Amino acid sequence: MPGRTGPTLDMDPFLVLLHSVSRHLSTGELADLKFLCRGRVAKRKLECVQSGLDLFSVLLEQGDLERERPGLLRELLASLRRHDLLQLLDDYEAGAAVGAAPGEADLRVAFDIVCDSVGRDWKKLARQLKLSEAKMDGIEERYPRSLSERVREALRVWKNVEQEKATVARLMEALRTCQLNLVADLVEEAQQAQGSVSGHGEVSTMLWESAVTSEAP
């Protein structure tokens, strides 16, 4: 059997999506995408890109493209006016939303709020989340013109390091320690709107259902 040269696609819906998008790109469209990514990808790396999957792999490696944050892919496909490929992305996101664990969905909502609200205080929050100064310098260098992207990258790094310990409750605690109480309140309100409410900002679905059952007549 021939050797396997790429990632195992059947185990990751996002890689399946990227592979499908890549297969449907023309040579001209790939050239357009490379042009659009000049500000993100080094010239030498772009010269080595021979397919859409090559380009997506570089963006994944750099953290510019993520399973939980495919906004860049949407932006690139929209620039090509490839509505058929945008539909594939819509289908992926719909499936990801349905299949996500409640905690993951809550965390994504919290991340969106924090990214839109923290602004110039992002380093204060990043330090509270235990990011090193070197890591913050790297984030600042990668996103020199976008505060929201700096915040999102800092949160992504924190989540990758803390894994299951990266919860909405801990994020809210960090926000309040930084005196970012308004942002913490917005996150808490969003959690309440989704039914994830407790005195500590985090309750499992099982506990919530148990409480409702105990109050029933």
C-alpha atoms as a PDB file:
ATOM      1  CA  MET A   1       0.000   0.000   0.000  1.00  0.00           C
ATOM      2  CA  PRO A   2       1.245   3.526  -0.680  1.00  0.00           C
ATOM      3  CA  GLY A   3       2.529   5.511   2.274  1.00  0.00           C
ATOM      4  CA  ARG A   4       0.225   7.972   3.985  1.00  0.00           C
ATOM      5  CA  THR A   5       1.483  11.492   3.360  1.00  0.00           C
ATOM      6  CA  GLY A   6      -1.181  13.634   4.983  1.00  0.00           C
ATOM      7  CA  PRO A   7      -3.076  13.819   8.295  1.00  0.00           C
ATOM      8  CA  THR A   8      -5.710  11.264   9.181  1.00  0.00           C
ATOM      9  CA  LEU A   9      -8.783  12.966   7.775  1.00  0.00           C
ATOM     10  CA  ASP A  10     -11.462  10.564   8.954  1.00  0.00           C
ATOM     11  CA  MET A  11     -10.756  11.408  12.587  1.00  0.00           C
ATOM     12  CA  ASP A  12     -11.169  15.188  12.348  1.00  0.00           C
ATOM     13  CA  PRO A  13     -14.158  16.898  10.699  1.00  0.00           C
ATOM     14  CA  PHE A  14     -12.228  20.150  10.380  1.00  0.00           C
ATOM     15  CA  LEU A  15      -9.425  18.498   8.419  1.00  0.00           C
ATOM     16  CA  VAL A  16     -12.038  16.826   6.248  1.00  0.00           C
ATOM     17  CA  LEU A  17     -13.485  20.283   5.554  1.00  0.00           C
ATOM     18  CA  LEU A  18     -10.075  21.744   4.696  1.00  0.00           C
ATOM     19  CA  HIS A  19      -9.296  18.824   2.412  1.00  0.00           C
ATOM     20  CA  SER A  20     -12.605  19.253   0.593  1.00  0.00           C
ATOM     21  CA  VAL A  21     -12.089  22.995   0.180  1.00  0.00           C
ATOM     22  CA  SER A  22      -8.578  22.423  -1.122  1.00  0.00           C
ATOM     23  CA  ARG A  23      -9.754  19.922  -3.742  1.00  0.00           C
ATOM     24  CA  HIS A  24     -12.255  22.422  -5.135  1.00  0.00           C
ATOM     25  CA  LEU A  25      -9.846  25.348  -5.505  1.00  0.00           C
ATOM     26  CA  SER A  26      -8.580  26.257  -8.955  1.00  0.00           C
ATOM     27  CA  THR A  27      -4.959  27.225  -9.574  1.00  0.00           C
ATOM     28  CA  GLY A  28      -6.003  30.847  -9.919  1.00  0.00           C
ATOM     29  CA  GLU A  29      -7.979  30.775  -6.670  1.00  0.00           C
ATOM     30  CA  LEU A  30      -5.011  29.294  -4.823  1.00  0.00           C
ATOM     31  CA  ALA A  31      -2.859  32.128  -6.149  1.00  0.00           C
ATOM     32  CA  ASP A  32      -5.443  34.623  -4.894  1.00  0.00           C
ATOM     33  CA  LEU A  33      -5.445  33.049  -1.436  1.00  0.00           C
ATOM     34  CA  LYS A  34      -1.651  33.150  -1.267  1.00  0.00           C
ATOM     35  CA  PHE A  35      -1.781  36.835  -2.195  1.00  0.00           C
ATOM     36  CA  LEU A  36      -4.323  37.527   0.555  1.00  0.00           C
ATOM     37  CA  CYS A  37      -2.132  35.753   3.121  1.00  0.00           C
ATOM     38  CA  ARG A  38       1.028  37.733   2.390  1.00  0.00           C
ATOM     39  CA  GLY A  39       0.672  39.676   5.633  1.00  0.00           C
ATOM     40  CA  ARG A  40       0.301  36.482   7.675  1.00  0.00           C
ATOM     41  CA  VAL A  41       2.663  33.999   6.073  1.00  0.00           C
ATOM     42  CA  ALA A  42       6.348  34.508   5.332  1.00  0.00           C
ATOM     43  CA  LYS A  43       7.267  34.808   1.643  1.00  0.00           C
ATOM     44  CA  ARG A  44       9.484  31.715   1.758  1.00  0.00           C
ATOM     45  CA  LYS A  45       6.652  29.601   3.157  1.00  0.00           C
ATOM     46  CA  LEU A  46       4.213  30.906   0.564  1.00  0.00           C
ATOM     47  CA  GLU A  47       6.618  29.948  -2.221  1.00  0.00           C
ATOM     48  CA  CYS A  48       6.468  26.338  -0.981  1.00  0.00           C
ATOM     49  CA  VAL A  49       2.656  26.224  -0.977  1.00  0.00           C
ATOM     50  CA  GLN A  50       1.418  24.004  -3.820  1.00  0.00           C
ATOM     51  CA  SER A  51      -2.179  23.404  -2.718  1.00  0.00           C
ATOM     52  CA  GLY A  52      -4.906  24.792  -0.526  1.00  0.00           C
ATOM     53  CA  LEU A  53      -4.121  22.141   2.053  1.00  0.00           C
ATOM     54  CA  ASP A  54      -0.495  23.314   2.157  1.00  0.00           C
ATOM     55  CA  LEU A  55      -1.662  26.847   2.891  1.00  0.00           C
ATOM     56  CA  PHE A  56      -4.181  25.749   5.506  1.00  0.00           C
ATOM     57  CA  SER A  57      -1.505  23.636   7.208  1.00  0.00           C
ATOM     58  CA  VAL A  58       0.740  26.691   7.554  1.00  0.00           C
ATOM     59  CA  LEU A  59      -2.121  28.757   8.954  1.00  0.00           C
ATOM     60  CA  LEU A  60      -2.988  25.977  11.417  1.00  0.00           C
ATOM     61  CA  GLU A  61       0.633  25.712  12.511  1.00  0.00           C
ATOM     62  CA  GLN A  62       0.801  29.462  13.121  1.00  0.00           C
ATOM     63  CA  GLY A  63      -2.465  29.503  15.043  1.00  0.00           C
ATOM     64  CA  ASP A  64      -4.153  31.810  12.536  1.00  0.00           C
ATOM     65  CA  LEU A  65      -6.685  29.104  11.688  1.00  0.00           C
ATOM     66  CA  GLU A  66      -8.359  26.925  14.319  1.00  0.00           C
ATOM     67  CA  ARG A  67     -11.186  24.438  14.579  1.00  0.00           C
ATOM     68  CA  GLU A  68     -12.985  26.677  17.062  1.00  0.00           C
ATOM     69  CA  ARG A  69     -12.170  29.851  15.140  1.00  0.00           C
ATOM     70  CA  PRO A  70     -12.546  29.342  11.386  1.00  0.00           C
ATOM     71  CA  GLY A  71     -13.261  33.016  10.733  1.00  0.00           C
ATOM     72  CA  LEU A  72     -10.157  33.444   8.583  1.00  0.00           C
ATOM     73  CA  LEU A  73     -11.258  30.590   6.337  1.00  0.00           C
ATOM     74  CA  ARG A  74     -14.650  32.247   5.930  1.00  0.00           C
ATOM     75  CA  GLU A  75     -12.964  35.545   5.071  1.00  0.00           C
ATOM     76  CA  LEU A  76     -10.756  33.896   2.454  1.00  0.00           C
ATOM     77  CA  LEU A  77     -13.604  31.962   0.828  1.00  0.00           C
ATOM     78  CA  ALA A  78     -15.812  35.056   0.802  1.00  0.00           C
ATOM     79  CA  SER A  79     -13.084  36.939  -1.056  1.00  0.00           C
ATOM     80  CA  LEU A  80     -13.225  34.237  -3.750  1.00  0.00           C
ATOM     81  CA  ARG A  81     -17.040  34.455  -3.883  1.00  0.00           C
ATOM     82  CA  ARG A  82     -17.154  30.685  -3.483  1.00  0.00           C
ATOM     83  CA  HIS A  83     -20.593  30.371  -1.934  1.00  0.00           C
ATOM     84  CA  ASP A  84     -20.545  26.612  -2.415  1.00  0.00           C
ATOM     85  CA  LEU A  85     -17.462  26.316  -0.218  1.00  0.00           C
ATOM     86  CA  LEU A  86     -18.915  28.752   2.294  1.00  0.00           C
ATOM     87  CA  GLN A  87     -21.876  26.386   2.549  1.00  0.00           C
ATOM     88  CA  LEU A  88     -19.473  23.580   3.470  1.00  0.00           C
ATOM     89  CA  LEU A  89     -18.106  25.792   6.239  1.00  0.00           C
ATOM     90  CA  ASP A  90     -21.637  26.607   7.417  1.00  0.00           C
ATOM     91  CA  ASP A  91     -22.416  22.890   7.579  1.00  0.00           C
ATOM     92  CA  TYR A  92     -19.235  22.236   9.573  1.00  0.00           C
ATOM     93  CA  GLU A  93     -19.987  25.005  12.065  1.00  0.00           C
ATOM     94  CA  ALA A  94     -23.576  23.814  12.493  1.00  0.00           C
ATOM     95  CA  GLY A  95     -22.333  20.288  13.242  1.00  0.00           C
ATOM     96  CA  ALA A  96     -19.646  21.575  15.627  1.00  0.00           C
ATOM     97  CA  ALA A  97     -22.195  23.629  17.561  1.00  0.00           C
ATOM     98  CA  VAL A  98     -24.492  20.624  17.968  1.00  0.00           C
ATOM     99  CA  GLY A  99     -21.684  18.276  18.982  1.00  0.00           C
ATOM    100  CA  ALA A 100     -19.794  20.576  21.330  1.00  0.00           C
ATOM    101  CA  ALA A 101     -19.776  19.848  25.034  1.00  0.00           C
ATOM    102  CA  PRO A 102     -21.738  22.428  27.073  1.00  0.00           C
ATOM    103  CA  GLY A 103     -18.557  23.708  28.711  1.00  0.00           C
ATOM    104  CA  GLU A 104     -16.839  24.192  25.357  1.00  0.00           C
ATOM    105  CA  ALA A 105     -19.786  26.114  23.944  1.00  0.00           C
ATOM    106  CA  ASP A 106     -19.915  28.360  27.016  1.00  0.00           C
ATOM    107  CA  LEU A 107     -16.200  29.016  26.796  1.00  0.00           C
ATOM    108  CA  ARG A 108     -16.446  30.027  23.132  1.00  0.00           C
ATOM    109  CA  VAL A 109     -19.175  32.530  23.973  1.00  0.00           C
ATOM    110  CA  ALA A 110     -17.092  33.899  26.845  1.00  0.00           C
ATOM    111  CA  PHE A 111     -14.049  34.209  24.578  1.00  0.00           C
ATOM    112  CA  ASP A 112     -16.053  36.212  22.034  1.00  0.00           C
ATOM    113  CA  ILE A 113     -17.236  38.628  24.720  1.00  0.00           C
ATOM    114  CA  VAL A 114     -13.769  39.058  26.209  1.00  0.00           C
ATOM    115  CA  CYS A 115     -12.205  39.620  22.790  1.00  0.00           C
ATOM    116  CA  ASP A 116     -14.738  42.337  21.991  1.00  0.00           C
ATOM    117  CA  SER A 117     -14.464  44.050  25.377  1.00  0.00           C
ATOM    118  CA  VAL A 118     -10.998  43.859  26.943  1.00  0.00           C
ATOM    119  CA  GLY A 119      -9.038  45.955  24.441  1.00  0.00           C
ATOM    120  CA  ARG A 120      -5.884  47.603  25.773  1.00  0.00           C
ATOM    121  CA  ASP A 121      -6.102  45.719  29.063  1.00  0.00           C
ATOM    122  CA  TRP A 122      -5.321  42.422  27.328  1.00  0.00           C
ATOM    123  CA  LYS A 123      -1.845  42.148  28.860  1.00  0.00           C
ATOM    124  CA  LYS A 124      -3.220  42.635  32.355  1.00  0.00           C
ATOM    125  CA  LEU A 125      -5.586  39.729  31.765  1.00  0.00           C
ATOM    126  CA  ALA A 126      -2.897  37.632  30.064  1.00  0.00           C
ATOM    127  CA  ARG A 127      -0.587  38.027  33.092  1.00  0.00           C
ATOM    128  CA  GLN A 128      -3.418  36.974  35.394  1.00  0.00           C
ATOM    129  CA  LEU A 129      -3.844  33.881  33.211  1.00  0.00           C
ATOM    130  CA  LYS A 130      -0.117  33.152  33.753  1.00  0.00           C
ATOM    131  CA  LEU A 131       1.150  33.905  30.237  1.00  0.00           C
ATOM    132  CA  SER A 132       4.845  34.777  30.135  1.00  0.00           C
ATOM    133  CA  GLU A 133       6.138  38.135  28.950  1.00  0.00           C
ATOM    134  CA  ALA A 134       7.892  36.368  26.066  1.00  0.00           C
ATOM    135  CA  LYS A 135       4.616  34.767  24.998  1.00  0.00           C
ATOM    136  CA  MET A 136       2.839  38.123  25.124  1.00  0.00           C
ATOM    137  CA  ASP A 137       5.617  39.749  23.090  1.00  0.00           C
ATOM    138  CA  GLY A 138       5.172  37.031  20.468  1.00  0.00           C
ATOM    139  CA  ILE A 139       1.423  37.624  20.346  1.00  0.00           C
ATOM    140  CA  GLU A 140       1.954  41.367  19.989  1.00  0.00           C
ATOM    141  CA  GLU A 141       4.401  40.812  17.144  1.00  0.00           C
ATOM    142  CA  ARG A 142       2.015  38.452  15.339  1.00  0.00           C
ATOM    143  CA  TYR A 143      -0.978  40.792  15.664  1.00  0.00           C
ATOM    144  CA  PRO A 144       0.441  44.328  15.607  1.00  0.00           C
ATOM    145  CA  ARG A 145      -2.796  45.980  14.479  1.00  0.00           C
ATOM    146  CA  SER A 146      -5.559  43.962  16.155  1.00  0.00           C
ATOM    147  CA  LEU A 147      -6.209  44.118  19.880  1.00  0.00           C
ATOM    148  CA  SER A 148      -9.067  41.633  19.656  1.00  0.00           C
ATOM    149  CA  GLU A 149      -6.821  39.061  17.954  1.00  0.00           C
ATOM    150  CA  ARG A 150      -4.189  39.533  20.675  1.00  0.00           C
ATOM    151  CA  VAL A 151      -6.838  38.820  23.286  1.00  0.00           C
ATOM    152  CA  ARG A 152      -8.100  35.761  21.410  1.00  0.00           C
ATOM    153  CA  GLU A 153      -4.597  34.371  20.965  1.00  0.00           C
ATOM    154  CA  ALA A 154      -3.841  34.875  24.669  1.00  0.00           C
ATOM    155  CA  LEU A 155      -7.041  33.014  25.566  1.00  0.00           C
ATOM    156  CA  ARG A 156      -6.194  30.252  23.100  1.00  0.00           C
ATOM    157  CA  VAL A 157      -2.743  29.810  24.659  1.00  0.00           C
ATOM    158  CA  TRP A 158      -4.271  29.729  28.143  1.00  0.00           C
ATOM    159  CA  LYS A 159      -6.815  27.111  27.084  1.00  0.00           C
ATOM    160  CA  ASN A 160      -4.159  24.940  25.433  1.00  0.00           C
ATOM    161  CA  VAL A 161      -1.997  25.046  28.559  1.00  0.00           C
ATOM    162  CA  GLU A 162      -4.746  24.582  31.140  1.00  0.00           C
ATOM    163  CA  GLN A 163      -6.824  22.097  29.113  1.00  0.00           C
ATOM    164  CA  GLU A 164      -9.860  21.055  31.181  1.00  0.00           C
ATOM    165  CA  LYS A 165      -8.920  23.562  33.897  1.00  0.00           C
ATOM    166  CA  ALA A 166      -9.658  26.412  31.488  1.00  0.00           C
ATOM    167  CA  THR A 167     -13.256  27.127  32.520  1.00  0.00           C
ATOM    168  CA  VAL A 168     -15.587  30.095  32.330  1.00  0.00           C
ATOM    169  CA  ALA A 169     -15.520  30.334  36.123  1.00  0.00           C
ATOM    170  CA  ARG A 170     -11.726  30.702  36.177  1.00  0.00           C
ATOM    171  CA  LEU A 171     -11.830  33.224  33.355  1.00  0.00           C
ATOM    172  CA  MET A 172     -14.406  35.315  35.226  1.00  0.00           C
ATOM    173  CA  GLU A 173     -12.285  35.141  38.363  1.00  0.00           C
ATOM    174  CA  ALA A 174      -9.274  36.432  36.398  1.00  0.00           C
ATOM    175  CA  LEU A 175     -11.346  39.262  34.913  1.00  0.00           C
ATOM    176  CA  ARG A 176     -12.544  40.383  38.343  1.00  0.00           C
ATOM    177  CA  THR A 177      -9.029  40.190  39.774  1.00  0.00           C
ATOM    178  CA  CYS A 178      -7.993  42.573  36.974  1.00  0.00           C
ATOM    179  CA  GLN A 179     -10.873  44.898  37.924  1.00  0.00           C
ATOM    180  CA  LEU A 180     -12.515  44.149  34.572  1.00  0.00           C
ATOM    181  CA  ASN A 181     -15.828  43.719  36.334  1.00  0.00           C
ATOM    182  CA  LEU A 182     -17.992  44.993  33.505  1.00  0.00           C
ATOM    183  CA  VAL A 183     -16.562  42.359  31.156  1.00  0.00           C
ATOM    184  CA  ALA A 184     -17.019  39.674  33.815  1.00  0.00           C
ATOM    185  CA  ASP A 185     -20.637  40.789  34.232  1.00  0.00           C
ATOM    186  CA  LEU A 186     -21.215  40.483  30.479  1.00  0.00           C
ATOM    187  CA  VAL A 187     -19.807  36.959  30.523  1.00  0.00           C
ATOM    188  CA  GLU A 188     -21.948  36.024  33.505  1.00  0.00           C
ATOM    189  CA  GLU A 189     -25.078  37.414  31.833  1.00  0.00           C
ATOM    190  CA  ALA A 190     -24.319  35.378  28.713  1.00  0.00           C
ATOM    191  CA  GLN A 191     -23.925  32.234  30.820  1.00  0.00           C
ATOM    192  CA  GLN A 192     -27.238  32.883  32.522  1.00  0.00           C
ATOM    193  CA  ALA A 193     -28.913  33.373  29.166  1.00  0.00           C
ATOM    194  CA  GLN A 194     -27.652  29.929  28.137  1.00  0.00           C
ATOM    195  CA  GLY A 195     -28.820  28.300  31.357  1.00  0.00           C
ATOM    196  CA  SER A 196     -25.363  27.846  32.902  1.00  0.00           C
ATOM    197  CA  VAL A 197     -25.948  29.663  36.159  1.00  0.00           C
ATOM    198  CA  SER A 198     -24.560  29.200  39.653  1.00  0.00           C
ATOM    199  CA  GLY A 199     -23.116  31.209  42.470  1.00  0.00           C
ATOM    200  CA  HIS A 200     -19.639  30.454  41.121  1.00  0.00           C
ATOM    201  CA  GLY A 201     -20.497  31.057  37.472  1.00  0.00           C
ATOM    202  CA  GLU A 202     -20.433  27.406  36.471  1.00  0.00           C
ATOM    203  CA  VAL A 203     -22.851  24.505  36.973  1.00  0.00           C
ATOM    204  CA  SER A 204     -23.082  21.233  35.136  1.00  0.00           C
ATOM    205  CA  THR A 205     -26.196  20.353  33.165  1.00  0.00           C
ATOM    206  CA  MET A 206     -26.809  17.438  35.516  1.00  0.00           C
ATOM    207  CA  LEU A 207     -26.856  19.685  38.589  1.00  0.00           C
ATOM    208  CA  TRP A 208     -29.156  22.144  36.842  1.00  0.00           C
ATOM    209  CA  GLU A 209     -31.626  19.403  35.937  1.00  0.00           C
ATOM    210  CA  SER A 210     -31.426  18.046  39.472  1.00  0.00           C
ATOM    211  CA  ALA A 211     -32.305  21.448  40.922  1.00  0.00           C
ATOM    212  CA  VAL A 212     -35.291  21.813  38.593  1.00  0.00           C
ATOM    213  CA  THR A 213     -36.529  18.335  39.535  1.00  0.00           C
ATOM    214  CA  SER A 214     -36.253  19.028  43.257  1.00  0.00           C
ATOM    215  CA  GLU A 215     -38.364  22.194  42.893  1.00  0.00           C
ATOM    216  CA  ALA A 216     -41.115  20.411  40.968  1.00  0.00           C
ATOM    217  CA  PRO A 217     -44.356  19.758  42.968  1.00  0.00           C
END
